[in-house]
Amino acid sequence: MLTSISSGRATMPRRVLRVAAPLCLLAGLSGCALDAVNPGPIRAEALNTPSALSSLVNGSGRDLAESLNWVAYTGGAAAREIFPAGSTAAFGISVLQQNGKLVDNDGDTYWNFAQRARWTSEDAVTRIKSVLGTASANSTTLAQALVWAGFSNRHLGENFCQGVINGGAPGPYTVYLERAEANFTEAITVATAANNTALAQAATAGRASVRLLRNNTTGAATDAAAVPSTFVYRMPYYQNELDQYNRIFWASANQPYRAHTVWNTYIETYRRATRDPRVPFDSSLTILVGDAAVGALGRVRWYFQTKYPTLTSPINLASGWEMRLIEAETKLIAGDVAGALTSINGRRTALALAPVTAANATEAWAALKRERGIELWLEGRRLGDLRRWAALTRPGALDPKEEIPGRDLCFATPLSEKQTNINFPR
């Protein structure tokens, strides 16, 4: 496994082998050569061939899937999208995380996976351009690599406290958002030239979300308007091996983990009142509590989320309905409360839910914040929303059950990076 991507010491050969292994398993080992397993590093130049490019791109996508898997789960606990229900090790939620603390001595898994996803996707972009030359201008392979790079950088920008690129000095997290916007912009151009509508729309939706994060409301609204409400772009998961499972599902699937619950969250209260299908959960008639005590609360009621009902349930990276909420937010920023409510209620009308109402802008902001929490529930996006709203002092209260006093709104740069990166202050 790669362990130090951010400091620029990653090597790509292992990535190719890691991608190829599941394909061999899916083929039932037929025709697979088993006598030479990772014989050692190969020269990077050996990857500069057209036949290797798809594997590099697929590998970078899997890297993003693995990072999203970890960050969406733990970030969901810190954002109180879910409540801890027991175990603190393995697939559990640590005591610090239960209290909303995402500190630098809590391991480097989140950082390593996220930085690896960024590095491998950006490296794939560079290699594709080098190998294909001018032919890369309308290459679907390049468009896909750019899309992965865009979502990897957005993922870092939404969830991490500092911006560090390949062993450089620490800076603001916004460096990731700048890179993400550039990735998505180029992806739109290449995907359009390749006549790949799905990738062009994924990049447009991704750029809309990044422009909102960068407070470019005009650009965000323009991009969002170009994406139909029915569009969705998802990150797939697989059952080939443990680290390809949907982690949120597996951590509360009773096989054996019951590490988190929807009990005592605003999602529980809201779902009971509305039956909104976007935030489904269920319970067991025989197993009533989580798998261990939760501090002074003891054993808590176990309500398991069913948004992700299987090992292979995908996680949304972008959707048309998110675009409607981006439009709503940009209207609120412009003071158009009525227009914002119309954009919010389009989705609710489609789901036969009661429309939201607001007597003033503050109430409309509260409705918008809640609606984004519902629409993007457990997708690894809530911390980024909470941080930007706090930084911009947007009005509108959160539900009291969503609050954790003194919680962190981003993952800290781990000690391993601070101690090994010579550009960190000593």
Protein backbone atom coordinates (compact mmCIF):
# COMPACT_ATOMS: atom_id res chain seq x y z
CA MET A 1 0.00 0.00 0.00
CA LEU A 2 1.20 3.51 -0.73
CA THR A 3 1.85 5.43 2.46
CA SER A 4 3.32 8.82 1.64
CA ILE A 5 1.67 10.23 -1.45
CA SER A 6 1.61 13.83 -0.31
CA SER A 7 5.39 13.94 0.06
CA GLY A 8 5.85 12.84 -3.53
CA ARG A 9 7.33 9.41 -2.88
CA ALA A 10 4.54 7.38 -4.50
CA THR A 11 5.25 4.86 -7.24
CA MET A 12 2.65 3.87 -9.79
CA PRO A 13 3.55 0.22 -10.50
CA ARG A 14 1.80 -1.00 -7.35
CA ARG A 15 -1.34 0.79 -8.45
CA VAL A 16 -1.47 -1.24 -11.67
CA LEU A 17 -1.09 -4.52 -9.81
CA ARG A 18 -3.73 -3.53 -7.27
CA VAL A 19 -6.28 -2.80 -10.00
CA ALA A 20 -5.53 -5.95 -11.93
CA ALA A 21 -5.98 -8.33 -8.99
CA PRO A 22 -9.80 -8.00 -8.64
CA LEU A 23 -10.17 -8.54 -12.40
CA CYS A 24 -8.26 -11.79 -12.06
CA LEU A 25 -10.56 -12.88 -9.24
CA LEU A 26 -13.66 -12.01 -11.23
CA ALA A 27 -12.40 -14.17 -14.04
CA GLY A 28 -12.24 -17.16 -11.73
CA LEU A 29 -8.43 -17.25 -12.04
CA SER A 30 -8.78 -18.59 -15.56
CA GLY A 31 -5.68 -17.77 -17.56
CA CYS A 32 -4.11 -15.79 -14.70
CA ALA A 33 -0.38 -16.13 -14.16
CA LEU A 34 0.17 -16.75 -10.44
CA ASP A 35 3.92 -17.41 -10.48
CA ALA A 36 5.04 -13.76 -10.49
CA VAL A 37 3.42 -11.68 -7.77
CA ASN A 38 4.72 -8.11 -7.52
CA PRO A 39 8.34 -8.99 -8.42
CA GLY A 40 9.41 -5.46 -7.56
CA PRO A 41 9.27 -1.89 -8.78
CA ILE A 42 9.37 -1.25 -12.49
CA ARG A 43 10.50 1.87 -14.24
CA ALA A 44 7.79 4.50 -14.44
CA GLU A 45 8.43 4.82 -18.15
CA ALA A 46 7.02 1.32 -18.63
CA LEU A 47 3.60 2.74 -17.85
CA ASN A 48 3.82 5.25 -20.67
CA THR A 49 1.98 3.09 -23.17
CA PRO A 50 -1.62 3.34 -24.43
CA SER A 51 -2.46 -0.10 -23.06
CA ALA A 52 -1.63 0.96 -19.49
CA LEU A 53 -3.66 4.15 -19.40
CA SER A 54 -7.08 2.70 -18.61
CA SER A 55 -5.65 0.77 -15.67
CA LEU A 56 -4.09 3.94 -14.28
CA VAL A 57 -7.37 5.81 -14.56
CA ASN A 58 -9.39 2.97 -13.05
CA GLY A 59 -6.89 2.77 -10.21
CA SER A 60 -7.22 6.45 -9.43
CA GLY A 61 -11.01 6.06 -9.34
CA ARG A 62 -10.68 3.21 -6.90
CA ASP A 63 -8.40 5.35 -4.75
CA LEU A 64 -11.08 8.02 -4.55
CA ALA A 65 -13.68 5.37 -3.69
CA GLU A 66 -11.54 4.15 -0.80
CA SER A 67 -10.97 7.65 0.56
CA LEU A 68 -14.63 8.60 0.24
CA ASN A 69 -15.51 5.38 2.06
CA TRP A 70 -13.53 6.39 5.16
CA VAL A 71 -14.16 10.13 5.14
CA ALA A 72 -17.92 9.95 4.50
CA TYR A 73 -18.34 7.57 7.45
CA THR A 74 -16.21 9.35 10.04
CA GLY A 75 -17.13 12.79 8.73
CA GLY A 76 -20.77 11.74 8.99
CA ALA A 77 -20.23 10.97 12.66
CA ALA A 78 -18.59 14.36 13.30
CA ALA A 79 -21.38 16.13 11.41
CA ARG A 80 -23.94 14.12 13.38
CA GLU A 81 -25.47 12.58 10.28
CA ILE A 82 -25.27 9.38 12.29
CA PHE A 83 -24.85 8.69 16.01
CA PRO A 84 -22.28 6.31 17.53
CA ALA A 85 -23.79 3.00 18.59
CA GLY A 86 -20.93 1.09 20.12
CA SER A 87 -17.55 -0.15 18.99
CA THR A 88 -14.64 2.25 18.73
CA ALA A 89 -12.14 0.07 16.86
CA ALA A 90 -12.18 -1.66 13.45
CA PHE A 91 -15.35 -0.31 11.81
CA GLY A 92 -16.32 1.73 14.85
CA ILE A 93 -16.26 5.42 15.74
CA SER A 94 -13.48 6.39 18.14
CA VAL A 95 -14.18 8.23 21.38
CA LEU A 96 -12.61 11.39 19.95
CA GLN A 97 -14.68 11.15 16.79
CA GLN A 98 -17.83 10.56 18.84
CA ASN A 99 -17.18 13.99 20.34
CA GLY A 100 -16.62 15.58 16.94
CA LYS A 101 -12.83 15.78 17.23
CA LEU A 102 -10.79 15.07 14.07
CA VAL A 103 -7.30 15.55 15.46
CA ASP A 104 -3.77 15.10 14.10
CA ASN A 105 -2.90 12.11 16.32
CA ASP A 106 -5.90 10.03 15.26
CA GLY A 107 -4.01 8.20 12.51
CA ASP A 108 -3.21 9.11 8.92
CA THR A 109 -5.55 6.80 7.01
CA TYR A 110 -7.92 9.57 5.93
CA TRP A 111 -5.09 11.82 4.76
CA ASN A 112 -3.16 9.10 2.96
CA PHE A 113 -6.15 7.77 1.05
CA ALA A 114 -7.33 11.25 0.03
CA GLN A 115 -3.88 12.41 -1.06
CA ARG A 116 -3.29 9.16 -2.92
CA ALA A 117 -6.51 9.67 -4.87
CA ARG A 118 -5.42 13.17 -5.83
CA TRP A 119 -1.89 12.14 -6.75
CA THR A 120 -2.77 9.10 -8.85
CA SER A 121 -5.50 10.90 -10.79
CA GLU A 122 -3.31 13.92 -11.51
CA ASP A 123 -0.42 11.66 -12.48
CA ALA A 124 -2.74 9.75 -14.82
CA VAL A 125 -3.69 13.05 -16.49
CA THR A 126 -0.03 13.90 -17.04
CA ARG A 127 0.80 10.46 -18.46
CA ILE A 128 -2.19 10.37 -20.80
CA LYS A 129 -1.22 13.72 -22.30
CA SER A 130 2.37 12.57 -22.70
CA VAL A 131 1.46 9.23 -24.29
CA LEU A 132 -1.39 10.34 -26.55
CA GLY A 133 -0.12 13.79 -27.45
CA THR A 134 -2.60 15.80 -29.49
CA ALA A 135 -4.95 12.81 -29.59
CA SER A 136 -5.63 13.36 -25.88
CA ALA A 137 -7.72 16.44 -26.73
CA ASN A 138 -10.76 14.26 -27.43
CA SER A 139 -9.83 11.23 -25.33
CA THR A 140 -12.50 9.75 -23.08
CA THR A 141 -9.70 8.26 -20.99
CA LEU A 142 -8.29 11.72 -20.33
CA ALA A 143 -11.75 13.11 -19.60
CA GLN A 144 -12.32 10.39 -17.00
CA ALA A 145 -8.94 11.02 -15.38
CA LEU A 146 -9.73 14.73 -15.16
CA VAL A 147 -13.12 13.99 -13.61
CA TRP A 148 -11.47 11.79 -10.96
CA ALA A 149 -8.88 14.51 -10.33
CA GLY A 150 -11.64 17.08 -9.93
CA PHE A 151 -13.64 15.03 -7.47
CA SER A 152 -10.49 14.01 -5.57
CA ASN A 153 -9.48 17.64 -5.11
CA ARG A 154 -13.04 18.64 -4.17
CA HIS A 155 -13.06 15.82 -1.63
CA LEU A 156 -9.89 17.19 -0.04
CA GLY A 157 -11.15 20.76 -0.15
CA GLU A 158 -14.45 19.91 1.51
CA ASN A 159 -13.01 17.75 4.25
CA PHE A 160 -9.43 18.69 5.18
CA CYS A 161 -8.09 21.64 7.14
CA GLN A 162 -4.90 22.38 5.21
CA GLY A 163 -3.72 22.34 1.63
CA VAL A 164 -0.52 20.37 1.08
CA ILE A 165 0.60 19.37 -2.40
CA ASN A 166 3.32 16.74 -2.90
CA GLY A 167 5.44 17.56 0.11
CA GLY A 168 5.10 21.31 -0.20
CA ALA A 169 4.49 23.82 2.54
CA PRO A 170 1.09 23.82 4.23
CA GLY A 171 -1.37 26.37 2.95
CA PRO A 172 -5.11 27.01 2.92
CA TYR A 173 -7.40 24.13 1.98
CA THR A 174 -8.71 26.27 -0.87
CA VAL A 175 -5.75 25.18 -3.00
CA TYR A 176 -7.62 21.93 -3.56
CA LEU A 177 -10.70 23.80 -4.74
CA GLU A 178 -8.64 25.81 -7.21
CA ARG A 179 -7.20 22.60 -8.63
CA ALA A 180 -10.63 20.96 -8.71
CA GLU A 181 -12.13 23.80 -10.73
CA ALA A 182 -9.27 23.65 -13.22
CA ASN A 183 -9.66 19.85 -13.49
CA PHE A 184 -13.40 20.09 -14.11
CA THR A 185 -13.04 22.92 -16.61
CA GLU A 186 -10.58 20.92 -18.69
CA ALA A 187 -12.72 17.79 -18.31
CA ILE A 188 -15.72 19.62 -19.79
CA THR A 189 -13.67 20.61 -22.83
CA VAL A 190 -12.20 17.14 -23.40
CA ALA A 191 -15.43 15.22 -22.71
CA THR A 192 -17.36 17.50 -25.05
CA ALA A 193 -14.76 16.94 -27.79
CA ALA A 194 -15.04 13.19 -27.13
CA ASN A 195 -18.85 13.43 -27.40
CA ASN A 196 -19.20 11.92 -23.90
CA THR A 197 -22.24 13.65 -22.44
CA ALA A 198 -22.15 11.79 -19.12
CA LEU A 199 -18.60 12.88 -18.31
CA ALA A 200 -19.24 16.43 -19.51
CA GLN A 201 -22.27 16.69 -17.22
CA ALA A 202 -20.37 15.11 -14.31
CA ALA A 203 -17.63 17.70 -14.73
CA THR A 204 -20.15 20.53 -15.03
CA ALA A 205 -21.95 19.42 -11.88
CA GLY A 206 -18.64 19.01 -10.08
CA ARG A 207 -17.54 22.48 -11.12
CA ALA A 208 -20.86 23.97 -9.96
CA SER A 209 -20.31 22.52 -6.49
CA VAL A 210 -16.72 23.76 -6.37
CA ARG A 211 -17.69 27.24 -7.53
CA LEU A 212 -20.24 27.39 -4.73
CA LEU A 213 -17.52 26.37 -2.27
CA ARG A 214 -15.38 29.19 -3.67
CA ASN A 215 -18.30 31.64 -3.34
CA ASN A 216 -18.51 32.19 -7.10
CA THR A 217 -22.29 32.25 -7.07
CA THR A 218 -22.76 33.40 -10.66
CA GLY A 219 -20.53 30.65 -12.04
CA ALA A 220 -22.10 28.05 -9.76
CA ALA A 221 -25.63 28.96 -10.86
CA THR A 222 -24.66 28.92 -14.53
CA ASP A 223 -23.13 25.46 -14.28
CA ALA A 224 -25.98 24.11 -12.17
CA ALA A 225 -28.56 25.27 -14.72
CA ALA A 226 -26.83 23.17 -17.39
CA VAL A 227 -27.36 19.91 -15.46
CA PRO A 228 -30.81 18.23 -15.61
CA SER A 229 -32.50 17.22 -12.37
CA THR A 230 -32.44 13.57 -13.41
CA PHE A 231 -28.64 13.45 -13.70
CA VAL A 232 -26.60 11.50 -11.15
CA TYR A 233 -22.93 10.47 -11.07
CA ARG A 234 -22.03 7.78 -8.55
CA MET A 235 -18.97 6.15 -7.05
CA PRO A 236 -19.34 2.35 -7.25
CA TYR A 237 -18.33 -0.18 -4.59
CA TYR A 238 -17.64 -3.89 -4.90
CA GLN A 239 -17.69 -7.10 -2.88
CA ASN A 240 -14.35 -8.49 -4.06
CA GLU A 241 -12.53 -7.62 -0.83
CA LEU A 242 -13.13 -5.77 2.42
CA ASP A 243 -11.70 -2.40 1.42
CA GLN A 244 -14.04 -2.29 -1.59
CA TYR A 245 -17.19 -2.66 0.53
CA ASN A 246 -19.41 0.34 1.16
CA ARG A 247 -18.03 1.16 4.62
CA ILE A 248 -21.12 2.96 5.90
CA PHE A 249 -23.25 -0.11 5.18
CA TRP A 250 -20.75 -2.61 6.56
CA ALA A 251 -20.20 -0.71 9.82
CA SER A 252 -23.86 -1.19 10.75
CA ALA A 253 -24.86 -4.35 8.92
CA ASN A 254 -24.80 -6.60 12.02
CA GLN A 255 -22.14 -8.78 10.35
CA PRO A 256 -20.98 -8.30 13.15
CA TYR A 257 -20.84 -4.49 13.47
CA ARG A 258 -23.61 -2.27 14.78
CA ALA A 259 -21.31 0.71 15.23
CA HIS A 260 -23.63 3.55 14.27
CA THR A 261 -27.30 4.40 14.42
CA VAL A 262 -29.78 6.99 13.17
CA TRP A 263 -31.18 7.24 16.69
CA ASN A 264 -30.83 10.67 18.32
CA THR A 265 -30.16 12.49 15.05
CA TYR A 266 -32.28 15.11 13.33
CA ILE A 267 -32.62 12.60 10.50
CA GLU A 268 -34.56 10.26 12.80
CA THR A 269 -36.98 13.00 13.84
CA TYR A 270 -37.42 14.31 10.31
CA ARG A 271 -37.93 10.89 8.72
CA ARG A 272 -40.58 9.92 11.28
CA ALA A 273 -42.47 13.14 10.55
CA THR A 274 -42.26 13.06 6.76
CA ARG A 275 -41.32 9.56 5.53
CA ASP A 276 -38.93 11.30 3.15
CA PRO A 277 -37.41 8.49 1.00
CA ARG A 278 -34.05 10.26 0.82
CA VAL A 279 -33.19 9.42 4.45
CA PRO A 280 -34.39 5.86 5.01
CA PHE A 281 -33.61 3.77 8.07
CA ASP A 282 -34.97 0.61 9.68
CA SER A 283 -34.82 -1.34 12.93
CA SER A 284 -34.75 -4.94 14.11
CA LEU A 285 -37.49 -6.63 16.10
CA THR A 286 -34.95 -8.71 18.01
CA ILE A 287 -31.70 -6.70 18.13
CA LEU A 288 -32.53 -3.42 19.78
CA VAL A 289 -29.19 -1.83 20.69
CA GLY A 290 -25.78 -1.17 19.23
CA ASP A 291 -22.78 -3.43 19.69
CA ALA A 292 -21.23 -1.70 22.75
CA ALA A 293 -21.81 1.03 25.31
CA VAL A 294 -21.57 4.66 24.23
CA GLY A 295 -20.04 6.54 27.16
CA ALA A 296 -22.46 7.41 29.93
CA LEU A 297 -25.40 6.59 27.66
CA GLY A 298 -24.69 2.88 27.79
CA ARG A 299 -26.25 0.81 25.01
CA VAL A 300 -28.26 2.99 22.62
CA ARG A 301 -31.11 2.15 20.28
CA TRP A 302 -29.98 0.70 16.97
CA TYR A 303 -31.67 2.15 13.88
CA PHE A 304 -29.67 1.23 10.80
CA GLN A 305 -29.53 3.45 7.74
CA THR A 306 -30.83 1.90 4.51
CA LYS A 307 -29.75 4.55 2.03
CA TYR A 308 -26.91 2.12 1.35
CA PRO A 309 -28.57 -1.29 1.76
CA THR A 310 -25.79 -3.53 0.38
CA LEU A 311 -22.02 -3.98 0.23
CA THR A 312 -22.01 -2.59 -3.28
CA SER A 313 -24.28 0.43 -2.80
CA PRO A 314 -22.79 3.43 -4.68
CA ILE A 315 -22.32 6.90 -3.20
CA ASN A 316 -23.36 9.97 -5.15
CA LEU A 317 -20.60 12.31 -6.27
CA ALA A 318 -22.94 14.77 -7.99
CA SER A 319 -26.60 14.96 -8.92
CA GLY A 320 -29.08 17.18 -10.68
CA TRP A 321 -31.07 17.62 -7.47
CA GLU A 322 -27.96 18.99 -5.78
CA MET A 323 -27.81 21.49 -8.65
CA ARG A 324 -31.29 22.71 -7.79
CA LEU A 325 -30.12 23.36 -4.23
CA ILE A 326 -27.09 25.24 -5.56
CA GLU A 327 -29.50 27.42 -7.50
CA ALA A 328 -31.55 27.89 -4.34
CA GLU A 329 -28.51 28.97 -2.36
CA THR A 330 -27.34 31.44 -4.96
CA LYS A 331 -30.82 32.96 -4.99
CA LEU A 332 -30.77 33.29 -1.22
CA ILE A 333 -27.41 35.03 -1.38
CA ALA A 334 -28.96 37.46 -3.88
CA GLY A 335 -31.93 38.05 -1.55
CA ASP A 336 -34.48 36.15 -3.66
CA VAL A 337 -36.26 34.18 -0.93
CA ALA A 338 -39.28 33.24 -3.05
CA GLY A 339 -37.09 31.99 -5.88
CA ALA A 340 -34.97 29.98 -3.46
CA LEU A 341 -38.04 28.27 -2.01
CA THR A 342 -39.23 27.41 -5.51
CA SER A 343 -35.89 25.73 -6.27
CA ILE A 344 -35.95 23.83 -2.96
CA ASN A 345 -39.53 22.68 -3.39
CA GLY A 346 -39.07 21.28 -6.89
CA ARG A 347 -37.51 18.17 -5.40
CA ARG A 348 -40.02 17.95 -2.58
CA THR A 349 -42.93 18.21 -5.01
CA ALA A 350 -41.45 15.40 -7.11
CA LEU A 351 -41.36 13.25 -3.95
CA ALA A 352 -44.90 14.23 -2.90
CA LEU A 353 -43.55 15.92 0.24
CA ALA A 354 -44.99 19.04 1.84
CA PRO A 355 -43.26 22.17 0.52
CA VAL A 356 -41.07 24.19 2.86
CA THR A 357 -42.12 27.70 3.75
CA ALA A 358 -40.27 30.64 5.24
CA ALA A 359 -41.44 33.96 6.63
CA ASN A 360 -38.07 35.61 6.08
CA ALA A 361 -34.54 35.07 4.80
CA THR A 362 -33.29 33.56 8.07
CA GLU A 363 -35.96 30.86 7.98
CA ALA A 364 -35.24 30.25 4.31
CA TRP A 365 -31.54 29.73 5.08
CA ALA A 366 -32.44 27.26 7.81
CA ALA A 367 -34.61 25.37 5.32
CA LEU A 368 -31.82 25.36 2.73
CA LYS A 369 -29.29 24.03 5.24
CA ARG A 370 -31.65 21.26 6.30
CA GLU A 371 -32.53 20.36 2.71
CA ARG A 372 -28.86 20.00 1.73
CA GLY A 373 -28.36 17.77 4.74
CA ILE A 374 -31.23 15.58 3.62
CA GLU A 375 -30.32 15.47 -0.08
CA LEU A 376 -26.60 14.82 0.51
CA TRP A 377 -26.97 12.64 3.61
CA LEU A 378 -23.96 10.35 4.17
CA GLU A 379 -22.19 11.44 0.98
CA GLY A 380 -19.14 12.99 2.65
CA ARG A 381 -20.30 16.55 1.97
CA ARG A 382 -21.74 17.88 5.25
CA LEU A 383 -18.53 19.04 6.92
CA GLY A 384 -17.70 21.18 3.90
CA ASP A 385 -21.13 22.80 4.06
CA LEU A 386 -20.91 23.47 7.78
CA ARG A 387 -17.45 25.00 7.47
CA ARG A 388 -18.28 27.36 4.61
CA TRP A 389 -21.55 28.51 6.16
CA ALA A 390 -19.73 29.25 9.41
CA ALA A 391 -16.92 31.09 7.62
CA LEU A 392 -19.41 33.24 5.68
CA THR A 393 -21.69 33.71 8.72
CA ARG A 394 -24.76 32.57 6.84
CA PRO A 395 -27.96 32.93 8.88
CA GLY A 396 -30.31 30.10 9.74
CA ALA A 397 -29.97 27.71 12.66
CA LEU A 398 -29.17 24.03 12.41
CA ASP A 399 -31.31 21.46 14.16
CA PRO A 400 -30.12 21.17 17.79
CA LYS A 401 -29.50 17.43 17.29
CA GLU A 402 -27.01 18.24 14.54
CA GLU A 403 -24.85 20.30 16.84
CA ILE A 404 -21.80 19.01 18.74
CA PRO A 405 -20.27 21.72 20.95
CA GLY A 406 -16.68 22.46 20.00
CA ARG A 407 -16.53 19.98 17.13
CA ASP A 408 -14.01 20.15 14.32
CA LEU A 409 -15.29 20.93 10.84
CA CYS A 410 -12.37 19.37 8.97
CA PHE A 411 -9.84 16.56 9.26
CA ALA A 412 -6.52 17.69 10.68
CA THR A 413 -3.27 17.11 8.82
CA PRO A 414 -1.85 14.04 10.59
CA LEU A 415 1.32 13.97 12.65
CA SER A 416 2.94 11.64 10.10
CA GLU A 417 2.79 14.40 7.49
CA LYS A 418 3.87 17.13 9.88
CA GLN A 419 6.82 15.10 11.14
CA THR A 420 8.11 13.87 7.76
CA ASN A 421 7.40 16.86 5.53
CA ILE A 422 10.41 19.17 5.86
CA ASN A 423 8.28 22.15 4.81
CA PHE A 424 6.15 22.04 7.95
CA PRO A 425 7.23 24.50 10.68
CA ARG A 426 9.33 22.86 13.38
